[in-house]
C-alpha atoms as a PDB file:
ATOM      1  CA  MET A   1       0.000   0.000   0.000  1.00  0.00           C
ATOM      2  CA  THR A   2       1.440   3.338  -1.002  1.00  0.00           C
ATOM      3  CA  GLN A   3       1.316   6.444   1.123  1.00  0.00           C
ATOM      4  CA  LEU A   4      -1.440   7.777  -1.141  1.00  0.00           C
ATOM      5  CA  ASP A   5      -3.716   4.788  -0.430  1.00  0.00           C
ATOM      6  CA  THR A   6      -3.972   5.123   3.351  1.00  0.00           C
ATOM      7  CA  TRP A   7      -7.342   5.905   4.912  1.00  0.00           C
ATOM      8  CA  GLN A   8      -5.880   9.172   6.193  1.00  0.00           C
ATOM      9  CA  ALA A   9      -4.888  10.256   2.697  1.00  0.00           C
ATOM     10  CA  LYS A  10      -8.303   9.306   1.335  1.00  0.00           C
ATOM     11  CA  ALA A  11     -10.068  11.201   4.147  1.00  0.00           C
ATOM     12  CA  ALA A  12      -7.977  14.330   3.523  1.00  0.00           C
ATOM     13  CA  ARG A  13      -8.273  14.277  -0.278  1.00  0.00           C
ATOM     14  CA  THR A  14     -10.408  17.106  -1.636  1.00  0.00           C
ATOM     15  CA  ASP A  15     -11.103  18.614  -4.993  1.00  0.00           C
ATOM     16  CA  ALA A  16     -13.686  21.034  -3.651  1.00  0.00           C
ATOM     17  CA  PRO A  17     -13.402  24.632  -4.833  1.00  0.00           C
ATOM     18  CA  ALA A  18     -11.581  27.253  -2.822  1.00  0.00           C
ATOM     19  CA  ALA A  19     -14.914  28.883  -1.930  1.00  0.00           C
ATOM     20  CA  THR A  20     -15.588  25.881   0.322  1.00  0.00           C
ATOM     21  CA  VAL A  21     -13.578  27.794   2.908  1.00  0.00           C
ATOM     22  CA  LEU A  22     -16.661  29.979   3.476  1.00  0.00           C
ATOM     23  CA  ILE A  23     -18.800  26.987   4.480  1.00  0.00           C
ATOM     24  CA  ARG A  24     -15.949  25.601   6.581  1.00  0.00           C
ATOM     25  CA  LEU A  25     -15.458  28.888   8.441  1.00  0.00           C
ATOM     26  CA  TYR A  26     -19.156  29.278   9.181  1.00  0.00           C
ATOM     27  CA  VAL A  27     -19.733  25.659  10.270  1.00  0.00           C
ATOM     28  CA  GLY A  28     -16.528  25.444  12.308  1.00  0.00           C
ATOM     29  CA  ALA A  29     -17.050  28.799  14.026  1.00  0.00           C
ATOM     30  CA  VAL A  30     -20.637  28.024  15.049  1.00  0.00           C
ATOM     31  CA  PHE A  31     -19.620  24.655  16.526  1.00  0.00           C
ATOM     32  CA  PHE A  32     -16.607  26.169  18.305  1.00  0.00           C
ATOM     33  CA  PHE A  33     -18.509  29.109  19.826  1.00  0.00           C
ATOM     34  CA  GLU A  34     -21.499  26.959  20.849  1.00  0.00           C
ATOM     35  CA  GLY A  35     -19.127  24.532  22.580  1.00  0.00           C
ATOM     36  CA  VAL A  36     -17.378  27.329  24.473  1.00  0.00           C
ATOM     37  CA  GLN A  37     -20.723  28.808  25.537  1.00  0.00           C
ATOM     38  CA  LYS A  38     -21.775  25.480  27.079  1.00  0.00           C
ATOM     39  CA  PHE A  39     -18.921  26.015  29.566  1.00  0.00           C
ATOM     40  CA  LEU A  40     -19.456  29.768  29.983  1.00  0.00           C
ATOM     41  CA  TYR A  41     -23.220  29.483  30.566  1.00  0.00           C
ATOM     42  CA  PRO A  42     -23.801  25.970  31.923  1.00  0.00           C
ATOM     43  CA  ASP A  43     -27.279  26.691  33.337  1.00  0.00           C
ATOM     44  CA  GLN A  44     -28.622  28.163  30.098  1.00  0.00           C
ATOM     45  CA  LEU A  45     -26.694  26.238  27.419  1.00  0.00           C
ATOM     46  CA  GLY A  46     -24.837  23.368  29.072  1.00  0.00           C
ATOM     47  CA  THR A  47     -25.785  21.012  31.876  1.00  0.00           C
ATOM     48  CA  GLY A  48     -28.941  22.933  32.807  1.00  0.00           C
ATOM     49  CA  ARG A  49     -30.267  22.899  29.258  1.00  0.00           C
ATOM     50  CA  PHE A  50     -29.484  19.208  28.848  1.00  0.00           C
ATOM     51  CA  ASP A  51     -31.296  18.498  32.117  1.00  0.00           C
ATOM     52  CA  ARG A  52     -34.382  20.530  31.098  1.00  0.00           C
ATOM     53  CA  ALA A  53     -34.450  18.720  27.738  1.00  0.00           C
ATOM     54  CA  GLY A  54     -34.541  15.383  29.534  1.00  0.00           C
ATOM     55  CA  ILE A  55     -31.164  14.225  28.265  1.00  0.00           C
ATOM     56  CA  PRO A  56     -29.773  11.555  30.620  1.00  0.00           C
ATOM     57  CA  ALA A  57     -26.566  12.204  32.599  1.00  0.00           C
ATOM     58  CA  PRO A  58     -26.473  15.917  31.774  1.00  0.00           C
ATOM     59  CA  GLY A  59     -23.434  16.457  34.019  1.00  0.00           C
ATOM     60  CA  LEU A  60     -21.466  14.112  31.782  1.00  0.00           C
ATOM     61  CA  LEU A  61     -23.034  14.582  28.365  1.00  0.00           C
ATOM     62  CA  ALA A  62     -23.182  18.401  28.258  1.00  0.00           C
ATOM     63  CA  PRO A  63     -19.416  18.879  28.885  1.00  0.00           C
ATOM     64  CA  LEU A  64     -18.637  15.963  26.545  1.00  0.00           C
ATOM     65  CA  ASP A  65     -20.784  17.567  23.846  1.00  0.00           C
ATOM     66  CA  ALA A  66     -19.023  20.892  24.438  1.00  0.00           C
ATOM     67  CA  VAL A  67     -15.564  19.302  24.113  1.00  0.00           C
ATOM     68  CA  PHE A  68     -16.579  17.636  20.839  1.00  0.00           C
ATOM     69  CA  GLU A  69     -18.040  20.889  19.492  1.00  0.00           C
ATOM     70  CA  ILE A  70     -14.884  22.824  20.405  1.00  0.00           C
ATOM     71  CA  GLY A  71     -12.470  20.187  19.088  1.00  0.00           C
ATOM     72  CA  CYS A  72     -14.349  19.381  15.893  1.00  0.00           C
ATOM     73  CA  GLY A  73     -15.097  23.073  15.338  1.00  0.00           C
ATOM     74  CA  LEU A  74     -11.372  23.872  15.473  1.00  0.00           C
ATOM     75  CA  LEU A  75     -10.523  20.999  13.130  1.00  0.00           C
ATOM     76  CA  ILE A  76     -13.174  22.172  10.662  1.00  0.00           C
ATOM     77  CA  LEU A  77     -11.950  25.777  10.898  1.00  0.00           C
ATOM     78  CA  ALA A  78      -8.382  24.681  10.148  1.00  0.00           C
ATOM     79  CA  GLY A  79      -9.492  22.270   7.463  1.00  0.00           C
ATOM     80  CA  LEU A  80      -7.657  19.423   9.203  1.00  0.00           C
ATOM     81  CA  LEU A  81      -9.274  15.974   9.167  1.00  0.00           C
ATOM     82  CA  THR A  82     -12.391  17.813   8.094  1.00  0.00           C
ATOM     83  CA  ARG A  83     -14.358  14.808   6.905  1.00  0.00           C
ATOM     84  CA  LEU A  84     -13.669  12.936  10.138  1.00  0.00           C
ATOM     85  CA  ALA A  85     -14.525  15.986  12.269  1.00  0.00           C
ATOM     86  CA  THR A  86     -17.909  16.343  10.590  1.00  0.00           C
ATOM     87  CA  ILE A  87     -19.063  12.842  11.544  1.00  0.00           C
ATOM     88  CA  PRO A  88     -19.567  13.476  15.289  1.00  0.00           C
ATOM     89  CA  MET A  89     -21.078  16.874  14.465  1.00  0.00           C
ATOM     90  CA  ILE A  90     -23.617  15.261  12.135  1.00  0.00           C
ATOM     91  CA  VAL A  91     -24.566  12.892  14.965  1.00  0.00           C
ATOM     92  CA  ASN A  92     -24.692  15.916  17.305  1.00  0.00           C
ATOM     93  CA  MET A  93     -27.087  17.820  15.042  1.00  0.00           C
ATOM     94  CA  LEU A  94     -29.306  14.793  14.442  1.00  0.00           C
ATOM     95  CA  GLY A  95     -29.502  14.317  18.209  1.00  0.00           C
ATOM     96  CA  ALA A  96     -30.339  17.975  18.788  1.00  0.00           C
ATOM     97  CA  LEU A  97     -33.072  17.873  16.159  1.00  0.00           C
ATOM     98  CA  LEU A  98     -34.601  14.618  17.393  1.00  0.00           C
ATOM     99  CA  ILE A  99     -34.369  15.308  21.135  1.00  0.00           C
ATOM    100  CA  THR A 100     -35.008  19.035  21.431  1.00  0.00           C
ATOM    101  CA  LYS A 101     -36.709  20.171  18.224  1.00  0.00           C
ATOM    102  CA  LEU A 102     -38.913  17.357  16.910  1.00  0.00           C
ATOM    103  CA  PRO A 103     -41.101  17.372  20.086  1.00  0.00           C
ATOM    104  CA  ILE A 104     -42.184  20.892  19.074  1.00  0.00           C
ATOM    105  CA  LEU A 105     -44.402  19.278  16.429  1.00  0.00           C
ATOM    106  CA  TRP A 106     -46.728  17.844  19.064  1.00  0.00           C
ATOM    107  CA  GLY A 107     -46.263  20.600  21.667  1.00  0.00           C
ATOM    108  CA  ASP A 108     -44.138  18.509  24.043  1.00  0.00           C
ATOM    109  CA  ALA A 109     -40.829  20.389  23.951  1.00  0.00           C
ATOM    110  CA  PRO A 110     -39.702  21.412  27.462  1.00  0.00           C
ATOM    111  CA  LEU A 111     -37.212  23.947  26.100  1.00  0.00           C
ATOM    112  CA  PHE A 112     -39.866  25.635  23.964  1.00  0.00           C
ATOM    113  CA  ASP A 113     -42.982  25.961  26.126  1.00  0.00           C
ATOM    114  CA  GLY A 114     -46.021  27.128  24.220  1.00  0.00           C
ATOM    115  CA  LYS A 115     -44.545  26.347  20.819  1.00  0.00           C
ATOM    116  CA  SER A 116     -46.008  23.631  18.680  1.00  0.00           C
ATOM    117  CA  GLY A 117     -46.565  22.775  15.063  1.00  0.00           C
ATOM    118  CA  TRP A 118     -44.663  22.828  11.822  1.00  0.00           C
ATOM    119  CA  TRP A 119     -43.803  26.544  11.652  1.00  0.00           C
ATOM    120  CA  ASP A 120     -42.459  26.663  15.217  1.00  0.00           C
ATOM    121  CA  LEU A 121     -40.386  23.535  14.490  1.00  0.00           C
ATOM    122  CA  VAL A 122     -38.943  25.056  11.313  1.00  0.00           C
ATOM    123  CA  HIS A 123     -38.163  28.326  13.076  1.00  0.00           C
ATOM    124  CA  GLU A 124     -36.496  26.766  16.123  1.00  0.00           C
ATOM    125  CA  SER A 125     -34.492  24.217  14.132  1.00  0.00           C
ATOM    126  CA  ARG A 126     -33.076  26.543  11.474  1.00  0.00           C
ATOM    127  CA  THR A 127     -29.552  26.706  12.935  1.00  0.00           C
ATOM    128  CA  ASP A 128     -29.432  22.964  13.609  1.00  0.00           C
ATOM    129  CA  LEU A 129     -30.554  22.248  10.037  1.00  0.00           C
ATOM    130  CA  ALA A 130     -27.994  24.683   8.608  1.00  0.00           C
ATOM    131  CA  GLN A 131     -25.219  23.082  10.682  1.00  0.00           C
ATOM    132  CA  LEU A 132     -26.355  19.614   9.626  1.00  0.00           C
ATOM    133  CA  CYS A 133     -26.399  20.561   5.929  1.00  0.00           C
ATOM    134  CA  GLY A 134     -23.045  22.339   6.164  1.00  0.00           C
ATOM    135  CA  SER A 135     -21.494  19.335   7.898  1.00  0.00           C
ATOM    136  CA  LEU A 136     -22.931  16.920   5.327  1.00  0.00           C
ATOM    137  CA  PHE A 137     -21.584  19.135   2.537  1.00  0.00           C
ATOM    138  CA  LEU A 138     -18.077  19.084   4.059  1.00  0.00           C
ATOM    139  CA  LEU A 139     -18.256  15.324   4.602  1.00  0.00           C
ATOM    140  CA  ILE A 140     -19.051  14.840   0.922  1.00  0.00           C
ATOM    141  CA  VAL A 141     -16.674  17.349  -0.732  1.00  0.00           C
ATOM    142  CA  GLY A 142     -13.907  17.732   1.844  1.00  0.00           C
ATOM    143  CA  ALA A 143     -12.237  20.843   3.172  1.00  0.00           C
ATOM    144  CA  GLY A 144     -11.493  22.590  -0.110  1.00  0.00           C
ATOM    145  CA  ALA A 145      -8.369  24.108  -1.609  1.00  0.00           C
ATOM    146  CA  TYR A 146      -7.602  26.484   1.287  1.00  0.00           C
ATOM    147  CA  SER A 147      -7.186  23.898   4.020  1.00  0.00           C
ATOM    148  CA  LEU A 148      -4.602  21.878   5.863  1.00  0.00           C
ATOM    149  CA  ASP A 149      -6.163  18.751   4.340  1.00  0.00           C
ATOM    150  CA  ALA A 150      -5.429  20.055   0.839  1.00  0.00           C
ATOM    151  CA  HIS A 151      -1.901  21.075   1.853  1.00  0.00           C
ATOM    152  CA  LEU A 152      -1.212  17.642   3.340  1.00  0.00           C
ATOM    153  CA  SER A 153      -2.682  15.941   0.259  1.00  0.00           C
ATOM    154  CA  ARG A 154      -0.436  17.981  -2.035  1.00  0.00           C
ATOM    155  CA  ALA A 155       2.565  17.119   0.155  1.00  0.00           C
ATOM    156  CA  ALA A 156       1.678  13.411   0.065  1.00  0.00           C
ATOM    157  CA  VAL A 157       1.389  13.509  -3.739  1.00  0.00           C
ATOM    158  CA  ALA A 158       4.779  15.223  -3.952  1.00  0.00           C
ATOM    159  CA  VAL A 159       6.373  12.624  -1.675  1.00  0.00           C
ATOM    160  CA  GLY A 160       4.717   9.848  -3.680  1.00  0.00           C
ATOM    161  CA  ALA A 161       6.090  11.276  -6.913  1.00  0.00           C
ATOM    162  CA  VAL A 162       9.602  11.407  -5.443  1.00  0.00           C
ATOM    163  CA  ASP A 163       9.371   7.811  -4.175  1.00  0.00           C
ATOM    164  CA  ARG A 164       8.564   6.441  -7.634  1.00  0.00           C
END
């Protein structure tokens, strides 16, 4: 197996346009800042919110979620291991939508008292849906030309060419 055939090289490979950096910056920044805020405002956005939403073990899961959001957000911002970093964030957004937003449809959402129905669901889930779509986009196309993934891929190709 050559250096270009490793799973790491395949995960970092990208032929996405340079403009992908805009999606990467937005998605990575939102995850990073949301993760930091879970520590800064634990009652409103961290452990307290997880507890009010009925998420089990909020004292463990809220900080764990925050660490993943911060770490994956930074990786996405840098364009390093971007595809791998999006996977836990996709799971994160699916969980947020299913646990905290979907109950809005039938008026049983503890975080959104008094809200129910389709339009309230769409309104309250807009950021989660945007983050999910942005993460899926980056998983599919990679980090783009202005990323550490692209730099490492170019370096691997250059080393591969020299080894031949």
